[in-house]
Structures are given as structure tokens and as C-alpha cells.
Amino acid sequence: MAEETSRGIVLHVEGLRHRYANGWAALHGVDLSIATGEGVALLGANGSGKTTLLLHLNGLLRGEGRVTVGGEELTDSTVGRIRERVGLIFQDSDDQLFMPTVWEDVAFGLRQRGVGAEEARSRAEAMLDRLGIRQLAERPPYQLSAGEKKRVALAGVLILDPDLLVLDEPTTFLDPPGQRELISLLRELPQAKLVATHDMDFAEAVAERGIFLEGGRVRDSGSLVELASRYRWRVVERG
């Protein structure tokens, strides 16, 4: 799939609004675009709408407005295909690791596609090899470190060959060595990336451009160097 959007815009969001059942309006007409292969940091304090926005990108939340991935609009009829093209990594890896062993977790998406058990296992083990964690294949996920869990979660997403990786606060629970390993891994991946984070140093290490959310609106966007100088105190102090 990644080759299908080798040029141009991989994600386009237009006029996205969302109001929760309790009446809280979390998004107020968000517009943004991400080019194929681009790394973008999504910045903003807690409550600015970052996670709400991310959950719309593969249809886990549905609001008003348009979300288009690789030229295909997210609708009731396309949401299954969109979820294969947008790989979402949750803030807490425990939220997406639920199978008895690591290899089964990584192979889960393939099995859902109808891939046979033997082929799914072979491809899962190859992906674990690629991420340097083949030795974890038979381990139960609950026995892993935070950094290992993050890599397993990424393996389960990457095995479906998405066009876009969406990561919600990926450095949460990671110690400094784990953060450095994650930075190195993300830099090697060819997919476009949208990374929600409070950590400006991490953002600058994995992205070229930033989008600053405030009160459910895009307040600013541009190079991370410029955004860091203007907003670092707001991200750190309130985040």
C-alpha cells in the first residue's frame, strides 16, 4: 500500500469537528494535510484535542468534516480499508496488546485479513526480526518492558504496511534508552508519521514540521524550530 501513495498528500483533514456525548466540543473545524513520507509533530497542552483528532484518522471516532487518506475519503463503507492504511499506536501499549504471545499479537491483523496461520506466523517473526525483537516471539506481552511493548505494538501495525503511522504520546512510560531506541526506529521507517507529543526534544528528533493545537483549533504550524521558540513554554508548563 505504501507504494500507492508514493507522491502527494497521504492525509487530508478538512473542517473536522467533534462533540462528545457530555456536550464538550473537542474539535472546532480542524484542517491539516500531511505529505507522503513526511514527519509531523502534533503539539499542544492536555485538553487541546490531540488524541481526539488522532482517533478520527482511522474512524475510531467519527465527527463532522472530512478525513481523506491517500485520496480515499473515510466513510462507513471505506473505514475498513482506511484502518489498514493508518496505523495507530496508542499511548499505552497495553491497550493494543492482548494475545497470549508476542508473535500472535503481531500476526493478529494478518489473521483478520484471512492469512493462514503458518504464513501469518512466518511474517510476524520476520517483522520481529526487522525490529530487533525476534527473541520475544514466545513471550506473553505482559512480561515485556515498556520499550519492548512499544516495539511489539509497532510491529503489529507495520506488518499491515500502512501509509501513515499515527502515534499518541509514544514516549510515555519509556526511560531515556527506550526513547533513544524509538527515535532510531522511527527515523528508519519510510511511512509518513503524525506524532502527538509534549516532548519538544523528541518532536524535533522525529519530525520536520509541527502543528500546534489549542482549544480544538489549529493555532499555528510550521518548522519545529520556529514552533519550539514560540510555544515550548506552553507545551511544557501546561502539558
Protein backbone atom coordinates (compact mmCIF):
# COMPACT_ATOMS: atom_id res chain seq x y z
CA MET A 1 0.00 0.00 0.00
CA ALA A 2 2.81 2.41 0.77
CA GLU A 3 3.76 2.50 -2.91
CA GLU A 4 0.25 3.50 -3.94
CA THR A 5 0.72 6.95 -2.38
CA SER A 6 4.41 7.40 -3.24
CA ARG A 7 3.76 11.02 -4.21
CA GLY A 8 1.49 13.74 -2.98
CA ILE A 9 -0.72 14.02 0.08
CA VAL A 10 -1.29 10.94 2.23
CA LEU A 11 -3.65 12.60 4.74
CA HIS A 12 -6.04 15.50 4.33
CA VAL A 13 -8.38 16.65 7.11
CA GLU A 14 -10.94 19.34 6.37
CA GLY A 15 -13.33 21.07 8.78
CA LEU A 16 -13.14 18.34 11.41
CA ARG A 17 -15.42 18.92 14.40
CA HIS A 18 -16.26 16.65 17.29
CA ARG A 19 -18.55 16.99 20.29
CA TYR A 20 -18.65 14.30 22.95
CA ALA A 21 -21.88 12.98 24.44
CA ASN A 22 -21.38 15.10 27.56
CA GLY A 23 -21.50 18.23 25.42
CA TRP A 24 -17.77 19.01 25.35
CA ALA A 25 -16.73 20.29 21.93
CA ALA A 26 -13.22 18.90 21.49
CA LEU A 27 -12.53 19.92 17.88
CA HIS A 28 -13.63 23.11 16.13
CA GLY A 29 -13.02 22.83 12.39
CA VAL A 30 -9.50 21.35 12.16
CA ASP A 31 -7.76 21.46 8.77
CA LEU A 32 -4.40 19.80 8.06
CA SER A 33 -2.50 17.85 5.43
CA ILE A 34 0.49 15.51 5.57
CA ALA A 35 2.64 14.58 2.59
CA THR A 36 3.79 11.05 1.89
CA GLY A 37 6.88 10.24 3.96
CA GLU A 38 6.65 13.45 5.99
CA GLY A 39 7.17 13.54 9.76
CA VAL A 40 4.82 15.91 11.61
CA ALA A 41 4.58 16.58 15.34
CA LEU A 42 1.17 17.38 16.81
CA LEU A 43 1.73 19.75 19.73
CA GLY A 44 -0.48 21.25 22.39
CA ALA A 45 -1.35 21.10 26.07
CA ASN A 46 -3.59 18.47 27.64
CA GLY A 47 -7.17 19.03 26.53
CA SER A 48 -6.19 20.71 23.28
CA GLY A 49 -7.78 17.93 21.20
CA LYS A 50 -4.72 15.93 20.11
CA THR A 51 -5.97 12.46 21.00
CA THR A 52 -9.50 13.22 19.77
CA LEU A 53 -8.03 14.23 16.41
CA LEU A 54 -5.88 11.11 16.15
CA LEU A 55 -8.82 8.80 16.87
CA HIS A 56 -10.68 10.27 13.89
CA LEU A 57 -7.96 9.34 11.44
CA ASN A 58 -8.92 5.67 11.28
CA GLY A 59 -12.55 6.00 12.27
CA LEU A 60 -12.43 5.12 15.96
CA LEU A 61 -14.24 8.42 16.48
CA ARG A 62 -16.50 9.99 13.88
CA GLY A 63 -17.33 13.68 13.82
CA GLU A 64 -18.28 16.29 11.24
CA GLY A 65 -15.94 17.16 8.40
CA ARG A 66 -13.79 15.09 6.03
CA VAL A 67 -10.85 12.75 6.55
CA THR A 68 -9.14 11.55 3.37
CA VAL A 69 -6.28 9.03 3.29
CA GLY A 70 -4.39 8.51 0.06
CA GLY A 71 -7.25 10.11 -1.87
CA GLU A 72 -9.92 7.89 -0.28
CA GLU A 73 -12.46 9.56 2.00
CA LEU A 74 -13.24 7.86 5.30
CA THR A 75 -16.87 6.71 5.23
CA ASP A 76 -18.88 3.82 6.62
CA SER A 77 -18.02 1.81 3.52
CA THR A 78 -14.28 2.61 3.47
CA VAL A 79 -13.42 2.56 7.18
CA GLY A 80 -12.05 -1.00 7.00
CA ARG A 81 -9.60 -0.11 4.24
CA ILE A 82 -8.65 3.17 5.94
CA ARG A 83 -7.76 1.31 9.15
CA GLU A 84 -5.27 -0.76 7.18
CA ARG A 85 -3.69 2.39 5.72
CA VAL A 86 -3.50 4.33 9.01
CA GLY A 87 -1.51 2.54 11.70
CA LEU A 88 -2.45 3.88 15.15
CA ILE A 89 -0.12 3.38 18.12
CA PHE A 90 -1.85 4.11 21.42
CA GLN A 91 -0.21 5.99 24.29
CA ASP A 92 -0.41 2.88 26.49
CA SER A 93 0.75 -0.19 24.58
CA ASP A 94 -1.27 -2.41 26.93
CA ASP A 95 -4.37 -1.06 25.18
CA GLN A 96 -3.44 -2.90 21.97
CA LEU A 97 -1.55 -5.98 23.15
CA PHE A 98 -3.97 -8.71 24.17
CA MET A 99 -2.92 -12.04 22.66
CA PRO A 100 -1.18 -14.83 24.66
CA THR A 101 2.18 -14.38 22.92
CA VAL A 102 4.04 -11.62 21.13
CA TRP A 103 4.03 -13.32 17.73
CA GLU A 104 0.26 -13.85 17.95
CA ASP A 105 -0.23 -10.15 18.69
CA VAL A 106 1.88 -9.15 15.70
CA ALA A 107 0.10 -11.66 13.45
CA PHE A 108 -3.39 -10.66 14.60
CA GLY A 109 -4.05 -8.16 11.80
CA LEU A 110 -2.96 -10.65 9.15
CA ARG A 111 -5.22 -13.33 10.59
CA GLN A 112 -8.11 -10.86 10.47
CA ARG A 113 -7.37 -10.44 6.77
CA GLY A 114 -7.67 -14.19 6.27
CA VAL A 115 -3.95 -15.02 6.07
CA GLY A 116 -3.29 -18.64 7.08
CA ALA A 117 -1.76 -19.40 10.47
CA GLU A 118 1.58 -20.67 9.16
CA GLU A 119 2.14 -17.73 6.80
CA ALA A 120 0.98 -15.24 9.44
CA ARG A 121 3.45 -16.62 11.96
CA SER A 122 6.30 -16.56 9.44
CA ARG A 123 5.58 -12.94 8.52
CA ALA A 124 5.19 -11.94 12.16
CA GLU A 125 8.55 -13.44 13.05
CA ALA A 126 10.14 -11.68 10.08
CA MET A 127 8.72 -8.36 11.31
CA LEU A 128 10.03 -9.04 14.81
CA ASP A 129 13.43 -9.71 13.23
CA ARG A 130 13.23 -6.39 11.41
CA LEU A 131 12.61 -4.55 14.68
CA GLY A 132 15.30 -6.47 16.54
CA ILE A 133 12.98 -8.29 18.94
CA ARG A 134 12.75 -11.80 17.44
CA GLN A 135 13.74 -13.25 20.80
CA LEU A 136 10.45 -12.04 22.28
CA ALA A 137 8.23 -14.06 19.94
CA GLU A 138 7.05 -16.61 22.51
CA ARG A 139 6.84 -14.23 25.46
CA PRO A 140 3.48 -13.03 26.83
CA PRO A 141 3.19 -9.26 26.30
CA TYR A 142 2.56 -8.55 30.00
CA GLN A 143 6.12 -9.69 30.78
CA LEU A 144 7.73 -7.10 28.50
CA SER A 145 9.29 -3.77 29.36
CA ALA A 146 7.60 -0.56 28.21
CA GLY A 147 10.10 -0.19 25.38
CA GLU A 148 9.61 -3.78 24.24
CA LYS A 149 5.82 -3.36 24.32
CA LYS A 150 6.11 -0.25 22.15
CA ARG A 151 8.15 -2.14 19.56
CA VAL A 152 5.69 -5.04 19.55
CA ALA A 153 2.80 -2.61 19.06
CA LEU A 154 4.67 -1.05 16.15
CA ALA A 155 5.37 -4.47 14.66
CA GLY A 156 1.66 -5.29 14.74
CA VAL A 157 0.92 -2.10 12.82
CA LEU A 158 3.83 -2.22 10.38
CA ILE A 159 3.05 -5.77 9.30
CA LEU A 160 -0.04 -4.35 7.53
CA ASP A 161 2.17 -1.92 5.53
CA PRO A 162 0.29 1.30 6.36
CA ASP A 163 0.81 4.58 4.52
CA LEU A 164 0.64 6.64 7.71
CA LEU A 165 1.78 5.98 11.28
CA VAL A 166 -0.13 7.84 13.98
CA LEU A 167 1.47 7.80 17.44
CA ASP A 168 -0.14 9.19 20.58
CA GLU A 169 2.44 10.32 23.18
CA PRO A 170 4.82 7.47 22.24
CA THR A 171 7.46 8.31 24.86
CA THR A 172 5.06 7.80 27.79
CA PHE A 173 6.44 5.12 30.15
CA LEU A 174 9.77 4.97 28.26
CA ASP A 175 13.07 5.55 30.01
CA PRO A 176 15.81 7.54 28.16
CA PRO A 177 17.34 4.45 26.48
CA GLY A 178 13.88 3.37 25.35
CA GLN A 179 13.23 6.84 23.94
CA ARG A 180 16.51 6.78 22.01
CA GLU A 181 15.67 3.35 20.57
CA LEU A 182 12.24 4.58 19.48
CA ILE A 183 13.74 7.66 17.82
CA SER A 184 16.21 5.49 15.90
CA LEU A 185 13.44 3.15 14.76
CA LEU A 186 11.06 5.90 13.65
CA ARG A 187 13.79 7.62 11.66
CA GLU A 188 14.33 4.43 9.66
CA LEU A 189 10.68 3.92 8.72
CA PRO A 190 9.56 5.26 5.31
CA GLN A 191 5.94 5.91 6.26
CA ALA A 192 4.52 9.35 6.91
CA LYS A 193 4.24 9.98 10.65
CA LEU A 194 1.95 12.10 12.79
CA VAL A 195 3.23 12.12 16.37
CA ALA A 196 1.31 13.71 19.23
CA THR A 197 3.76 14.66 21.96
CA HIS A 198 4.55 17.08 24.77
CA ASP A 199 8.27 16.36 24.38
CA MET A 200 9.77 19.00 22.09
CA ASP A 201 13.16 17.28 22.02
CA PHE A 202 11.51 14.07 20.83
CA ALA A 203 9.42 16.00 18.30
CA GLU A 204 12.50 17.66 16.85
CA ALA A 205 14.21 14.26 16.57
CA VAL A 206 11.45 12.54 14.53
CA ALA A 207 9.62 15.31 12.67
CA GLU A 208 10.40 18.23 10.39
CA ARG A 209 7.16 20.15 10.82
CA GLY A 210 4.82 20.87 13.69
CA ILE A 211 1.12 21.62 14.12
CA PHE A 212 0.07 23.42 17.31
CA LEU A 213 -3.42 22.68 18.63
CA GLU A 214 -5.12 24.88 21.20
CA GLY A 215 -8.74 24.63 22.28
CA GLY A 216 -9.54 22.20 19.49
CA ARG A 217 -8.22 24.50 16.76
CA VAL A 218 -5.01 24.66 14.75
CA ARG A 219 -3.40 27.81 16.12
CA ASP A 220 -0.13 27.58 14.21
CA SER A 221 2.01 25.33 12.02
CA GLY A 222 5.46 25.45 10.55
CA SER A 223 9.01 24.29 11.19
CA LEU A 224 9.63 22.78 14.60
CA VAL A 225 12.46 25.23 15.23
CA GLU A 226 10.06 28.16 14.91
CA LEU A 227 7.27 26.50 16.88
CA ALA A 228 9.63 25.48 19.66
CA SER A 229 10.77 29.05 20.15
CA ARG A 230 7.19 30.33 20.27
CA TYR A 231 5.36 27.61 22.19
CA ARG A 232 7.80 25.45 24.19
CA TRP A 233 6.75 27.05 27.48
CA ARG A 234 3.06 26.41 26.74
CA VAL A 235 3.62 22.76 25.88
CA VAL A 236 5.80 22.04 28.89
CA GLU A 237 4.13 24.19 31.53
CA ARG A 238 0.55 23.16 30.78
CA GLY A 239 1.20 19.70 29.39
